[in-house]
């Protein structure tokens, strides 16, 4: 569509804000899983957790995790805190009891003191690289992606 003809050339603009036309849930879930899987090896020199989409669904069901950066951060912090003893069902139940969202993660695990675990720092950056891929990441973020390729 050529928009140079001015506003009269545009007959409609369509926004799909509820996923009715295009369902993007799967791509975001996959990006969360890959972010949580890659983060420990990249930034903490730890093995990757055996994260699955069930982990994502469990925290989505708790509530308060509409932002995928926060969701990724919660899973990374939970898996890192509990290590091999991490149980997503127990973790989700404890977060639900505390009200859900990042406030419940902070109440359960304590405030973030290590900037690597900030949902707006390295976790966000890794998520964006995984979700967007190298080319789009460079275009939107103005940086070279160091941990791409994208998931799909």
N, C-alpha and C. Protein backbone atom coordinates (compact mmCIF):
# COMPACT_ATOMS: atom_id res chain seq x y z
N UNK A 1 0.85 -1.17 0.00
CA UNK A 1 0.00 0.00 0.00
C UNK A 1 0.90 1.23 0.00
N UNK A 2 0.62 2.16 -0.86
CA UNK A 2 1.38 3.39 -0.96
C UNK A 2 0.65 4.48 -0.19
N UNK A 3 1.27 4.94 0.91
CA UNK A 3 0.64 5.96 1.75
C UNK A 3 1.05 7.37 1.36
N UNK A 4 1.84 7.53 0.30
CA UNK A 4 2.30 8.85 -0.09
C UNK A 4 1.18 9.71 -0.66
N UNK A 5 0.09 9.09 -0.99
CA UNK A 5 -1.03 9.84 -1.55
C UNK A 5 -1.79 10.63 -0.52
N UNK A 6 -1.38 10.57 0.73
CA UNK A 6 -2.05 11.31 1.79
C UNK A 6 -3.09 10.48 2.49
N UNK A 7 -3.76 11.06 3.47
CA UNK A 7 -4.73 10.33 4.28
C UNK A 7 -5.87 9.71 3.48
N UNK A 8 -6.25 10.33 2.37
CA UNK A 8 -7.35 9.77 1.60
C UNK A 8 -7.03 8.40 1.01
N UNK A 9 -5.74 8.05 0.89
CA UNK A 9 -5.35 6.75 0.36
C UNK A 9 -5.57 5.63 1.37
N UNK A 10 -5.68 5.96 2.65
CA UNK A 10 -5.88 4.96 3.70
C UNK A 10 -7.37 4.85 3.96
N UNK A 11 -7.89 3.64 3.80
CA UNK A 11 -9.33 3.45 4.03
C UNK A 11 -9.62 2.81 5.38
N UNK A 12 -8.61 2.13 5.95
CA UNK A 12 -8.82 1.50 7.25
C UNK A 12 -7.48 1.19 7.90
N UNK A 13 -7.48 1.23 9.22
CA UNK A 13 -6.35 0.77 10.02
C UNK A 13 -6.92 -0.23 11.01
N UNK A 14 -6.30 -1.39 11.07
CA UNK A 14 -6.80 -2.46 11.90
C UNK A 14 -5.80 -2.79 13.00
N UNK A 15 -6.26 -2.78 14.24
CA UNK A 15 -5.43 -3.16 15.38
C UNK A 15 -5.96 -4.46 15.96
N UNK A 16 -5.08 -5.42 16.17
CA UNK A 16 -5.45 -6.71 16.76
C UNK A 16 -4.84 -6.76 18.16
N UNK A 17 -5.53 -6.19 19.14
CA UNK A 17 -4.97 -6.08 20.48
C UNK A 17 -5.32 -7.26 21.38
N UNK A 18 -6.22 -8.13 20.94
CA UNK A 18 -6.60 -9.24 21.81
C UNK A 18 -6.27 -10.61 21.22
N UNK A 19 -5.53 -10.63 20.12
CA UNK A 19 -5.09 -11.89 19.55
C UNK A 19 -6.15 -12.64 18.78
N UNK A 20 -7.23 -11.99 18.41
CA UNK A 20 -8.29 -12.66 17.66
C UNK A 20 -7.83 -12.96 16.23
N UNK A 21 -7.17 -12.01 15.59
CA UNK A 21 -6.74 -12.20 14.21
C UNK A 21 -5.43 -12.97 14.10
N UNK A 22 -4.50 -12.66 14.96
CA UNK A 22 -3.20 -13.33 14.96
C UNK A 22 -2.89 -13.72 16.41
N UNK A 23 -2.77 -15.02 16.64
CA UNK A 23 -2.46 -15.51 17.99
C UNK A 23 -0.95 -15.63 18.14
N UNK A 24 -0.37 -14.76 18.95
CA UNK A 24 1.09 -14.73 19.13
C UNK A 24 1.53 -15.39 20.44
N UNK A 25 0.60 -15.97 21.17
CA UNK A 25 0.95 -16.56 22.47
C UNK A 25 2.08 -17.58 22.36
N UNK A 26 2.01 -18.43 21.35
CA UNK A 26 3.01 -19.50 21.23
C UNK A 26 4.41 -18.93 21.04
N UNK A 27 4.54 -17.89 20.21
CA UNK A 27 5.87 -17.33 19.97
C UNK A 27 6.42 -16.67 21.24
N UNK A 28 5.56 -16.01 22.00
CA UNK A 28 6.03 -15.41 23.25
C UNK A 28 6.38 -16.47 24.28
N UNK A 29 5.56 -17.52 24.38
CA UNK A 29 5.87 -18.62 25.32
C UNK A 29 7.21 -19.25 24.97
N UNK A 30 7.44 -19.47 23.70
CA UNK A 30 8.70 -20.07 23.27
C UNK A 30 9.87 -19.15 23.59
N UNK A 31 9.68 -17.85 23.42
CA UNK A 31 10.74 -16.89 23.74
C UNK A 31 11.04 -16.89 25.23
N UNK A 32 10.02 -17.01 26.07
CA UNK A 32 10.23 -17.10 27.52
C UNK A 32 11.01 -18.36 27.85
N UNK A 33 10.60 -19.48 27.30
CA UNK A 33 11.29 -20.76 27.56
C UNK A 33 12.75 -20.66 27.15
N UNK A 34 13.02 -20.14 25.97
CA UNK A 34 14.41 -20.03 25.49
C UNK A 34 15.22 -19.05 26.32
N UNK A 35 14.61 -17.97 26.76
CA UNK A 35 15.30 -17.00 27.61
C UNK A 35 15.69 -17.64 28.93
N UNK A 36 14.75 -18.33 29.56
CA UNK A 36 15.01 -18.99 30.84
C UNK A 36 16.05 -20.10 30.66
N UNK A 37 15.98 -20.81 29.56
CA UNK A 37 16.94 -21.89 29.30
C UNK A 37 18.35 -21.35 29.07
N UNK A 38 18.47 -20.27 28.31
CA UNK A 38 19.80 -19.76 27.93
C UNK A 38 20.47 -18.91 29.01
N UNK A 39 19.69 -18.20 29.80
CA UNK A 39 20.23 -17.21 30.74
C UNK A 39 21.28 -17.76 31.70
N UNK A 40 21.02 -18.87 32.41
CA UNK A 40 22.02 -19.34 33.39
C UNK A 40 23.38 -19.65 32.77
N UNK A 41 23.38 -20.27 31.60
CA UNK A 41 24.66 -20.62 30.97
C UNK A 41 25.39 -19.37 30.47
N UNK A 42 24.64 -18.41 29.96
CA UNK A 42 25.25 -17.21 29.40
C UNK A 42 25.80 -16.26 30.46
N UNK A 43 25.06 -16.08 31.55
CA UNK A 43 25.40 -15.03 32.51
C UNK A 43 25.82 -15.52 33.89
N UNK A 44 25.53 -16.76 34.21
CA UNK A 44 25.80 -17.24 35.57
C UNK A 44 26.74 -18.43 35.61
N UNK A 45 27.15 -18.92 34.47
CA UNK A 45 28.00 -20.10 34.37
C UNK A 45 27.38 -21.29 35.11
N UNK A 46 26.07 -21.44 34.93
CA UNK A 46 25.32 -22.54 35.54
C UNK A 46 24.64 -23.35 34.43
N UNK A 47 24.30 -24.59 34.71
CA UNK A 47 23.58 -25.38 33.70
C UNK A 47 22.18 -24.81 33.46
N UNK A 48 21.67 -25.07 32.28
CA UNK A 48 20.34 -24.60 31.92
C UNK A 48 19.28 -25.45 32.61
N UNK A 49 18.23 -24.81 33.13
CA UNK A 49 17.14 -25.59 33.73
C UNK A 49 16.33 -26.29 32.63
N UNK A 50 15.62 -27.34 33.00
CA UNK A 50 14.79 -28.10 32.07
C UNK A 50 13.42 -27.43 31.93
N UNK A 51 13.42 -26.17 31.55
CA UNK A 51 12.21 -25.37 31.46
C UNK A 51 11.34 -25.85 30.30
N UNK A 52 10.03 -25.80 30.52
CA UNK A 52 9.06 -26.16 29.49
C UNK A 52 7.98 -25.10 29.42
N UNK A 53 7.12 -25.21 28.43
CA UNK A 53 6.00 -24.28 28.34
C UNK A 53 5.04 -24.45 29.52
N UNK A 54 5.07 -25.58 30.18
CA UNK A 54 4.24 -25.78 31.37
C UNK A 54 4.65 -24.81 32.48
N UNK A 55 5.93 -24.49 32.55
CA UNK A 55 6.39 -23.49 33.53
C UNK A 55 5.73 -22.15 33.23
N UNK A 56 5.72 -21.77 31.98
CA UNK A 56 5.13 -20.50 31.58
C UNK A 56 3.64 -20.49 31.92
N UNK A 57 2.95 -21.56 31.57
CA UNK A 57 1.51 -21.65 31.84
C UNK A 57 1.22 -21.59 33.33
N UNK A 58 2.07 -22.23 34.14
CA UNK A 58 1.85 -22.23 35.59
C UNK A 58 1.89 -20.83 36.16
N UNK A 59 2.86 -20.01 35.73
CA UNK A 59 2.94 -18.65 36.27
C UNK A 59 1.89 -17.75 35.65
N UNK A 60 1.54 -17.96 34.39
CA UNK A 60 0.44 -17.18 33.79
C UNK A 60 -0.85 -17.41 34.57
N UNK A 61 -1.07 -18.65 35.02
CA UNK A 61 -2.27 -18.98 35.79
C UNK A 61 -2.28 -18.30 37.16
N UNK A 62 -1.10 -18.02 37.70
CA UNK A 62 -1.01 -17.34 39.00
C UNK A 62 -1.57 -15.93 38.90
N UNK A 63 -1.29 -15.28 37.77
CA UNK A 63 -1.72 -13.90 37.58
C UNK A 63 -0.60 -12.93 37.90
N UNK A 64 -0.67 -11.76 37.29
CA UNK A 64 0.32 -10.73 37.53
C UNK A 64 1.57 -10.86 36.68
N UNK A 65 1.57 -11.77 35.73
CA UNK A 65 2.73 -11.97 34.86
C UNK A 65 2.35 -11.76 33.40
N UNK A 66 1.75 -10.61 33.11
CA UNK A 66 1.39 -10.29 31.73
C UNK A 66 2.58 -9.81 30.92
N UNK A 67 3.61 -9.34 31.59
CA UNK A 67 4.82 -8.89 30.91
C UNK A 67 5.79 -10.07 30.83
N UNK A 68 6.19 -10.42 29.61
CA UNK A 68 7.04 -11.60 29.44
C UNK A 68 8.45 -11.41 29.98
N UNK A 69 8.92 -10.19 30.11
CA UNK A 69 10.22 -9.95 30.76
C UNK A 69 10.11 -10.30 32.23
N UNK A 70 9.01 -9.87 32.87
CA UNK A 70 8.79 -10.21 34.28
C UNK A 70 8.63 -11.71 34.46
N UNK A 71 7.87 -12.33 33.58
CA UNK A 71 7.67 -13.77 33.64
C UNK A 71 9.00 -14.51 33.52
N UNK A 72 9.82 -14.10 32.58
CA UNK A 72 11.16 -14.70 32.41
C UNK A 72 11.99 -14.50 33.66
N UNK A 73 11.97 -13.29 34.20
CA UNK A 73 12.75 -12.99 35.41
C UNK A 73 12.28 -13.84 36.59
N UNK A 74 10.97 -13.99 36.74
CA UNK A 74 10.44 -14.79 37.85
C UNK A 74 10.90 -16.24 37.74
N UNK A 75 10.85 -16.81 36.54
CA UNK A 75 11.27 -18.20 36.36
C UNK A 75 12.78 -18.36 36.56
N UNK A 76 13.55 -17.42 36.05
CA UNK A 76 15.00 -17.47 36.23
C UNK A 76 15.36 -17.36 37.71
N UNK A 77 14.74 -16.43 38.40
CA UNK A 77 15.02 -16.27 39.82
C UNK A 77 14.59 -17.49 40.62
N UNK A 78 13.41 -18.03 40.32
CA UNK A 78 12.93 -19.21 41.05
C UNK A 78 13.82 -20.41 40.83
N UNK A 79 14.14 -20.68 39.57
CA UNK A 79 15.00 -21.83 39.26
C UNK A 79 16.39 -21.64 39.86
N UNK A 80 16.88 -20.41 39.82
CA UNK A 80 18.21 -20.14 40.40
C UNK A 80 18.22 -20.26 41.90
N UNK A 81 17.15 -19.82 42.54
CA UNK A 81 17.08 -19.85 44.00
C UNK A 81 16.97 -21.28 44.54
N UNK A 82 16.12 -22.08 43.91
CA UNK A 82 15.85 -23.42 44.42
C UNK A 82 16.74 -24.49 43.79
N UNK A 83 17.40 -24.17 42.70
CA UNK A 83 18.31 -25.12 42.05
C UNK A 83 17.61 -26.41 41.64
N UNK A 84 18.26 -27.51 41.92
CA UNK A 84 17.74 -28.83 41.52
C UNK A 84 16.42 -29.15 42.22
N UNK A 85 16.15 -28.50 43.34
CA UNK A 85 14.91 -28.75 44.08
C UNK A 85 13.74 -27.94 43.55
N UNK A 86 13.95 -27.15 42.48
CA UNK A 86 12.88 -26.31 41.94
C UNK A 86 11.72 -27.15 41.45
N UNK A 87 10.53 -26.81 41.92
CA UNK A 87 9.30 -27.47 41.51
C UNK A 87 8.32 -26.37 41.09
N UNK A 88 7.98 -26.33 39.82
CA UNK A 88 7.15 -25.24 39.31
C UNK A 88 5.78 -25.19 39.98
N UNK A 89 5.20 -26.32 40.29
CA UNK A 89 3.89 -26.34 40.95
C UNK A 89 3.94 -25.69 42.32
N UNK A 90 4.93 -26.05 43.10
CA UNK A 90 5.10 -25.48 44.44
C UNK A 90 5.42 -23.99 44.35
N UNK A 91 6.31 -23.63 43.43
CA UNK A 91 6.68 -22.22 43.25
C UNK A 91 5.45 -21.40 42.87
N UNK A 92 4.67 -21.89 41.91
CA UNK A 92 3.47 -21.17 41.48
C UNK A 92 2.47 -21.03 42.62
N UNK A 93 2.30 -22.08 43.40
CA UNK A 93 1.36 -22.03 44.53
C UNK A 93 1.81 -20.99 45.57
N UNK A 94 3.10 -20.95 45.83
CA UNK A 94 3.61 -19.98 46.81
C UNK A 94 3.45 -18.55 46.28
N UNK A 95 3.67 -18.35 44.98
CA UNK A 95 3.48 -17.02 44.40
C UNK A 95 2.01 -16.62 44.43
N UNK A 96 1.13 -17.56 44.15
CA UNK A 96 -0.31 -17.27 44.19
C UNK A 96 -0.74 -16.88 45.60
N UNK A 97 -0.21 -17.57 46.60
CA UNK A 97 -0.54 -17.24 47.99
C UNK A 97 -0.08 -15.85 48.38
N UNK A 98 0.99 -15.39 47.71
CA UNK A 98 1.53 -14.06 48.00
C UNK A 98 0.92 -12.98 47.10
N UNK A 99 -0.03 -13.35 46.25
CA UNK A 99 -0.73 -12.36 45.44
C UNK A 99 -0.33 -12.31 43.98
N UNK A 100 0.68 -13.04 43.57
CA UNK A 100 1.09 -13.08 42.17
C UNK A 100 1.95 -11.90 41.76
N UNK A 101 2.48 -12.00 40.57
CA UNK A 101 3.30 -10.92 40.01
C UNK A 101 4.68 -10.84 40.65
N UNK A 102 5.45 -9.86 40.18
CA UNK A 102 6.82 -9.71 40.66
C UNK A 102 6.89 -9.35 42.14
N UNK A 103 5.87 -8.72 42.67
CA UNK A 103 5.83 -8.42 44.10
C UNK A 103 5.87 -9.70 44.92
N UNK A 104 5.18 -10.73 44.44
CA UNK A 104 5.19 -12.01 45.16
C UNK A 104 6.55 -12.70 45.04
N UNK A 105 7.22 -12.52 43.89
CA UNK A 105 8.57 -13.09 43.73
C UNK A 105 9.52 -12.43 44.72
N UNK A 106 9.44 -11.10 44.81
CA UNK A 106 10.29 -10.37 45.75
C UNK A 106 9.98 -10.76 47.19
N UNK A 107 8.69 -10.95 47.51
CA UNK A 107 8.32 -11.35 48.87
C UNK A 107 8.86 -12.74 49.21
N UNK A 108 8.83 -13.63 48.24
CA UNK A 108 9.28 -15.00 48.47
C UNK A 108 10.81 -15.13 48.45
N UNK A 109 11.45 -14.45 47.50
CA UNK A 109 12.89 -14.63 47.30
C UNK A 109 13.74 -13.46 47.74
N UNK A 110 13.10 -12.37 48.12
CA UNK A 110 13.83 -11.17 48.49
C UNK A 110 14.00 -10.23 47.29
N UNK A 111 14.31 -9.00 47.59
CA UNK A 111 14.51 -8.00 46.54
C UNK A 111 15.72 -8.36 45.70
N UNK A 112 15.69 -7.97 44.45
CA UNK A 112 16.82 -8.20 43.55
C UNK A 112 17.98 -7.31 43.98
N UNK A 113 19.11 -7.94 44.25
CA UNK A 113 20.32 -7.17 44.57
C UNK A 113 21.37 -7.33 43.47
N UNK A 114 21.21 -8.34 42.66
CA UNK A 114 22.11 -8.61 41.55
C UNK A 114 21.44 -8.11 40.28
N UNK A 115 22.01 -7.11 39.65
CA UNK A 115 21.40 -6.49 38.46
C UNK A 115 21.18 -7.48 37.33
N UNK A 116 21.89 -8.58 37.31
CA UNK A 116 21.68 -9.58 36.25
C UNK A 116 20.28 -10.16 36.29
N UNK A 117 19.64 -10.13 37.46
CA UNK A 117 18.31 -10.71 37.60
C UNK A 117 17.18 -9.71 37.41
N UNK A 118 17.50 -8.50 37.04
CA UNK A 118 16.48 -7.49 36.80
C UNK A 118 15.72 -7.80 35.53
N UNK A 119 14.40 -7.72 35.60
CA UNK A 119 13.57 -7.97 34.42
C UNK A 119 13.80 -6.93 33.34
N UNK A 120 14.38 -5.81 33.68
CA UNK A 120 14.60 -4.75 32.70
C UNK A 120 16.07 -4.64 32.26
N UNK A 121 16.89 -5.56 32.70
CA UNK A 121 18.31 -5.54 32.35
C UNK A 121 18.67 -6.63 31.37
N UNK A 122 19.55 -7.52 31.78
CA UNK A 122 20.03 -8.59 30.91
C UNK A 122 18.92 -9.54 30.48
N UNK A 123 17.95 -9.76 31.35
CA UNK A 123 16.85 -10.67 31.00
C UNK A 123 16.04 -10.08 29.86
N UNK A 124 15.70 -8.81 29.94
CA UNK A 124 14.97 -8.15 28.86
C UNK A 124 15.77 -8.21 27.57
N UNK A 125 17.06 -7.91 27.68
CA UNK A 125 17.91 -7.88 26.51
C UNK A 125 17.97 -9.25 25.83
N UNK A 126 18.15 -10.29 26.61
CA UNK A 126 18.20 -11.64 26.05
C UNK A 126 16.86 -12.01 25.44
N UNK A 127 15.77 -11.71 26.13
CA UNK A 127 14.43 -12.00 25.59
C UNK A 127 14.25 -11.33 24.24
N UNK A 128 14.60 -10.07 24.15
CA UNK A 128 14.42 -9.34 22.89
C UNK A 128 15.24 -9.96 21.77
N UNK A 129 16.45 -10.38 22.07
CA UNK A 129 17.29 -11.01 21.05
C UNK A 129 16.68 -12.33 20.59
N UNK A 130 16.20 -13.11 21.53
CA UNK A 130 15.60 -14.40 21.20
C UNK A 130 14.33 -14.20 20.38
N UNK A 131 13.48 -13.28 20.82
CA UNK A 131 12.19 -13.09 20.15
C UNK A 131 12.35 -12.42 18.78
N UNK A 132 13.17 -11.40 18.71
CA UNK A 132 13.27 -10.60 17.49
C UNK A 132 14.24 -11.16 16.45
N UNK A 133 15.29 -11.82 16.90
CA UNK A 133 16.35 -12.23 15.98
C UNK A 133 17.33 -11.08 15.76
N UNK A 134 18.46 -11.41 15.16
CA UNK A 134 19.56 -10.45 15.05
C UNK A 134 19.20 -9.21 14.24
N UNK A 135 18.58 -9.38 13.09
CA UNK A 135 18.31 -8.24 12.22
C UNK A 135 17.29 -7.27 12.83
N UNK A 136 16.17 -7.79 13.26
CA UNK A 136 15.14 -6.92 13.84
C UNK A 136 15.60 -6.33 15.17
N UNK A 137 16.35 -7.10 15.95
CA UNK A 137 16.89 -6.59 17.20
C UNK A 137 17.78 -5.37 16.92
N UNK A 138 18.64 -5.49 15.93
CA UNK A 138 19.53 -4.38 15.58
C UNK A 138 18.72 -3.16 15.13
N UNK A 139 17.68 -3.38 14.35
CA UNK A 139 16.85 -2.28 13.86
C UNK A 139 16.10 -1.60 15.00
N UNK A 140 15.52 -2.37 15.89
CA UNK A 140 14.68 -1.80 16.95
C UNK A 140 15.47 -1.33 18.17
N UNK A 141 16.52 -2.06 18.52
CA UNK A 141 17.27 -1.75 19.73
C UNK A 141 18.53 -0.94 19.46
N UNK A 142 18.96 -0.88 18.19
CA UNK A 142 20.16 -0.13 17.84
C UNK A 142 21.44 -0.76 18.34
N UNK A 143 21.42 -2.06 18.58
CA UNK A 143 22.59 -2.78 19.09
C UNK A 143 22.75 -4.08 18.30
N UNK A 144 23.94 -4.60 18.33
CA UNK A 144 24.20 -5.89 17.71
C UNK A 144 23.77 -6.99 18.67
N UNK A 145 23.02 -7.95 18.16
CA UNK A 145 22.58 -9.08 18.97
C UNK A 145 23.75 -10.03 19.20
N UNK A 146 24.04 -10.29 20.45
CA UNK A 146 25.15 -11.18 20.79
C UNK A 146 24.70 -12.59 21.09
N UNK A 147 23.38 -12.79 21.30
CA UNK A 147 22.88 -14.10 21.69
C UNK A 147 21.74 -14.57 20.81
N UNK A 148 21.64 -14.06 19.59
CA UNK A 148 20.66 -14.56 18.63
C UNK A 148 21.29 -15.82 18.06
N UNK A 149 20.66 -16.70 17.38
CA UNK A 149 19.53 -16.48 16.50
C UNK A 149 18.20 -16.52 17.22
N UNK A 150 17.22 -16.06 16.51
CA UNK A 150 15.86 -16.03 17.03
C UNK A 150 15.30 -17.45 17.07
N UNK A 151 14.15 -17.57 17.70
CA UNK A 151 13.49 -18.87 17.84
C UNK A 151 12.74 -19.27 16.59
N UNK A 152 12.46 -18.36 15.72
CA UNK A 152 11.75 -18.79 14.54
C UNK A 152 11.30 -17.69 13.70
